[in-house]
C-alpha atoms as a PDB file:
ATOM      1  CA  MET A   1     -47.190  -9.958 -51.786  1.00  0.00           C
ATOM      2  CA  SER A   2     -48.558 -13.332 -52.708  1.00  0.00           C
ATOM      3  CA  LYS A   3     -46.778 -16.456 -51.630  1.00  0.00           C
ATOM      4  CA  SER A   4     -45.364 -18.328 -54.616  1.00  0.00           C
ATOM      5  CA  ASN A   5     -45.082 -22.087 -54.530  1.00  0.00           C
ATOM      6  CA  PHE A   6     -41.953 -23.329 -56.217  1.00  0.00           C
ATOM      7  CA  SER A   7     -41.293 -26.962 -57.023  1.00  0.00           C
ATOM      8  CA  GLU A   8     -38.665 -28.923 -55.118  1.00  0.00           C
ATOM      9  CA  GLU A   9     -36.632 -29.235 -58.323  1.00  0.00           C
ATOM     10  CA  PHE A  10     -36.692 -25.452 -58.817  1.00  0.00           C
ATOM     11  CA  LYS A  11     -35.530 -24.937 -55.237  1.00  0.00           C
ATOM     12  CA  ARG A  12     -32.747 -27.515 -55.555  1.00  0.00           C
ATOM     13  CA  ASP A  13     -31.557 -25.960 -58.812  1.00  0.00           C
ATOM     14  CA  ALA A  14     -31.525 -22.500 -57.233  1.00  0.00           C
ATOM     15  CA  VAL A  15     -29.472 -23.818 -54.310  1.00  0.00           C
ATOM     16  CA  ARG A  16     -27.087 -25.602 -56.710  1.00  0.00           C
ATOM     17  CA  GLN A  17     -26.435 -22.305 -58.474  1.00  0.00           C
ATOM     18  CA  ILE A  18     -25.212 -20.912 -55.162  1.00  0.00           C
ATOM     19  CA  THR A  19     -23.381 -23.918 -53.719  1.00  0.00           C
ATOM     20  CA  GLU A  20     -21.945 -25.666 -56.771  1.00  0.00           C
ATOM     21  CA  ARG A  21     -21.627 -22.920 -59.359  1.00  0.00           C
ATOM     22  CA  GLY A  22     -20.616 -20.196 -56.939  1.00  0.00           C
ATOM     23  CA  TYR A  23     -23.120 -17.520 -57.906  1.00  0.00           C
ATOM     24  CA  PRO A  24     -23.873 -14.900 -55.231  1.00  0.00           C
ATOM     25  CA  VAL A  25     -27.221 -15.197 -53.468  1.00  0.00           C
ATOM     26  CA  ALA A  26     -28.196 -11.673 -54.541  1.00  0.00           C
ATOM     27  CA  GLU A  27     -27.612 -12.473 -58.213  1.00  0.00           C
ATOM     28  CA  VAL A  28     -29.564 -15.739 -58.129  1.00  0.00           C
ATOM     29  CA  SER A  29     -32.326 -14.047 -56.162  1.00  0.00           C
ATOM     30  CA  GLN A  30     -32.706 -11.273 -58.705  1.00  0.00           C
ATOM     31  CA  ARG A  31     -32.441 -13.570 -61.723  1.00  0.00           C
ATOM     32  CA  LEU A  32     -35.032 -16.055 -60.458  1.00  0.00           C
ATOM     33  CA  GLY A  33     -37.354 -13.550 -58.788  1.00  0.00           C
ATOM     34  CA  VAL A  34     -36.983 -15.157 -55.375  1.00  0.00           C
ATOM     35  CA  SER A  35     -36.229 -13.387 -52.113  1.00  0.00           C
ATOM     36  CA  PRO A  36     -32.723 -13.865 -50.703  1.00  0.00           C
ATOM     37  CA  HIS A  37     -34.323 -15.049 -47.467  1.00  0.00           C
ATOM     38  CA  SER A  38     -36.051 -17.884 -49.328  1.00  0.00           C
ATOM     39  CA  LEU A  39     -32.777 -18.910 -50.940  1.00  0.00           C
ATOM     40  CA  TYR A  40     -31.021 -19.027 -47.579  1.00  0.00           C
ATOM     41  CA  GLU A  41     -33.868 -21.117 -46.143  1.00  0.00           C
ATOM     42  CA  TRP A  42     -33.758 -23.531 -49.079  1.00  0.00           C
ATOM     43  CA  LYS A  43     -29.991 -23.772 -48.788  1.00  0.00           C
ATOM     44  CA  LYS A  44     -30.276 -24.626 -45.103  1.00  0.00           C
ATOM     45  CA  LYS A  45     -33.032 -27.167 -45.797  1.00  0.00           C
ATOM     46  CA  PHE A  46     -31.228 -28.991 -48.588  1.00  0.00           C
ATOM     47  CA  SER A  47     -27.812 -28.960 -46.950  1.00  0.00           C
ATOM     48  CA  SER A  48     -29.193 -30.714 -43.874  1.00  0.00           C
ATOM     49  CA  VAL A  49     -31.020 -33.266 -46.031  1.00  0.00           C
ATOM     50  CA  SER A  50     -28.046 -34.116 -48.245  1.00  0.00           C
ATOM     51  CA  GLY A  51     -25.472 -34.369 -45.477  1.00  0.00           C
ATOM     52  CA  ASN A  52     -23.985 -31.015 -46.434  1.00  0.00           C
ATOM     53  CA  PRO A  53     -21.182 -31.815 -48.889  1.00  0.00           C
ATOM     54  CA  GLY A  54     -20.047 -28.208 -48.423  1.00  0.00           C
ATOM     55  CA  ASN A  55     -18.590 -29.206 -45.049  1.00  0.00           C
ATOM     56  CA  ASP A  56     -16.226 -31.636 -46.783  1.00  0.00           C
ATOM     57  CA  GLN A  57     -15.024 -28.841 -49.032  1.00  0.00           C
ATOM     58  CA  SER A  58     -14.653 -26.478 -46.096  1.00  0.00           C
ATOM     59  CA  GLU A  59     -12.563 -29.048 -44.255  1.00  0.00           C
ATOM     60  CA  GLU A  60     -10.389 -29.620 -47.314  1.00  0.00           C
ATOM     61  CA  ILE A  61      -9.900 -25.866 -47.761  1.00  0.00           C
ATOM     62  CA  ARG A  62      -8.930 -25.529 -44.100  1.00  0.00           C
ATOM     63  CA  GLN A  63      -6.374 -28.342 -44.421  1.00  0.00           C
ATOM     64  CA  LEU A  64      -4.943 -26.927 -47.637  1.00  0.00           C
ATOM     65  CA  LYS A  65      -4.551 -23.480 -46.088  1.00  0.00           C
ATOM     66  CA  LYS A  66      -2.758 -25.037 -43.125  1.00  0.00           C
ATOM     67  CA  GLU A  67      -0.423 -26.951 -45.443  1.00  0.00           C
ATOM     68  CA  LEU A  68       0.208 -23.818 -47.514  1.00  0.00           C
ATOM     69  CA  ALA A  69       1.195 -21.894 -44.392  1.00  0.00           C
ATOM     70  CA  ARG A  70       3.598 -24.679 -43.374  1.00  0.00           C
ATOM     71  CA  VAL A  71       5.213 -24.884 -46.820  1.00  0.00           C
ATOM     72  CA  THR A  72       5.499 -21.089 -47.019  1.00  0.00           C
ATOM     73  CA  GLU A  73       7.261 -21.045 -43.654  1.00  0.00           C
ATOM     74  CA  GLU A  74       9.656 -23.782 -44.805  1.00  0.00           C
ATOM     75  CA  ARG A  75      10.423 -21.840 -47.975  1.00  0.00           C
ATOM     76  CA  ASP A  76      11.154 -18.670 -46.008  1.00  0.00           C
ATOM     77  CA  ILE A  77      13.510 -20.558 -43.687  1.00  0.00           C
ATOM     78  CA  LEU A  78      15.357 -22.052 -46.651  1.00  0.00           C
ATOM     79  CA  LYS A  79      15.694 -18.628 -48.289  1.00  0.00           C
ATOM     80  CA  LYS A  80      17.215 -17.210 -45.106  1.00  0.00           C
ATOM     81  CA  ALA A  81      19.556 -20.186 -44.747  1.00  0.00           C
ATOM     82  CA  THR A  82      20.699 -19.835 -48.361  1.00  0.00           C
ATOM     83  CA  ALA A  83      21.430 -16.141 -47.869  1.00  0.00           C
ATOM     84  CA  TYR A  84      23.305 -16.883 -44.620  1.00  0.00           C
ATOM     85  CA  PHE A  85      25.524 -19.573 -46.140  1.00  0.00           C
ATOM     86  CA  ALA A  86      26.139 -17.530 -49.298  1.00  0.00           C
ATOM     87  CA  ARG A  87      27.387 -14.676 -47.114  1.00  0.00           C
ATOM     88  CA  ASP A  88      29.747 -16.987 -45.193  1.00  0.00           C
ATOM     89  CA  ALA A  89      31.182 -18.441 -48.408  1.00  0.00           C
ATOM     90  CA  LYS A  90      32.565 -15.046 -49.472  1.00  0.00           C
END
């Protein structure tokens, strides 16, 4: 196989399709005719250069999941308390 030279803009656009638009690596790889390994390398390269905004999103997702778990637990406690007091009122 010959080594293809892709422009920086092409590489950045390919990485954006994965990181920002959410396309799977395999799909982008097949559509653009680039190996998945190359896409992973480009993703690693550009995420370290740009400060990796994906980490901010990951942190936000982690915090939101934690908050969701807390609110779900509160809701469950309130449901049980409502059932308990409704039973006592009869």
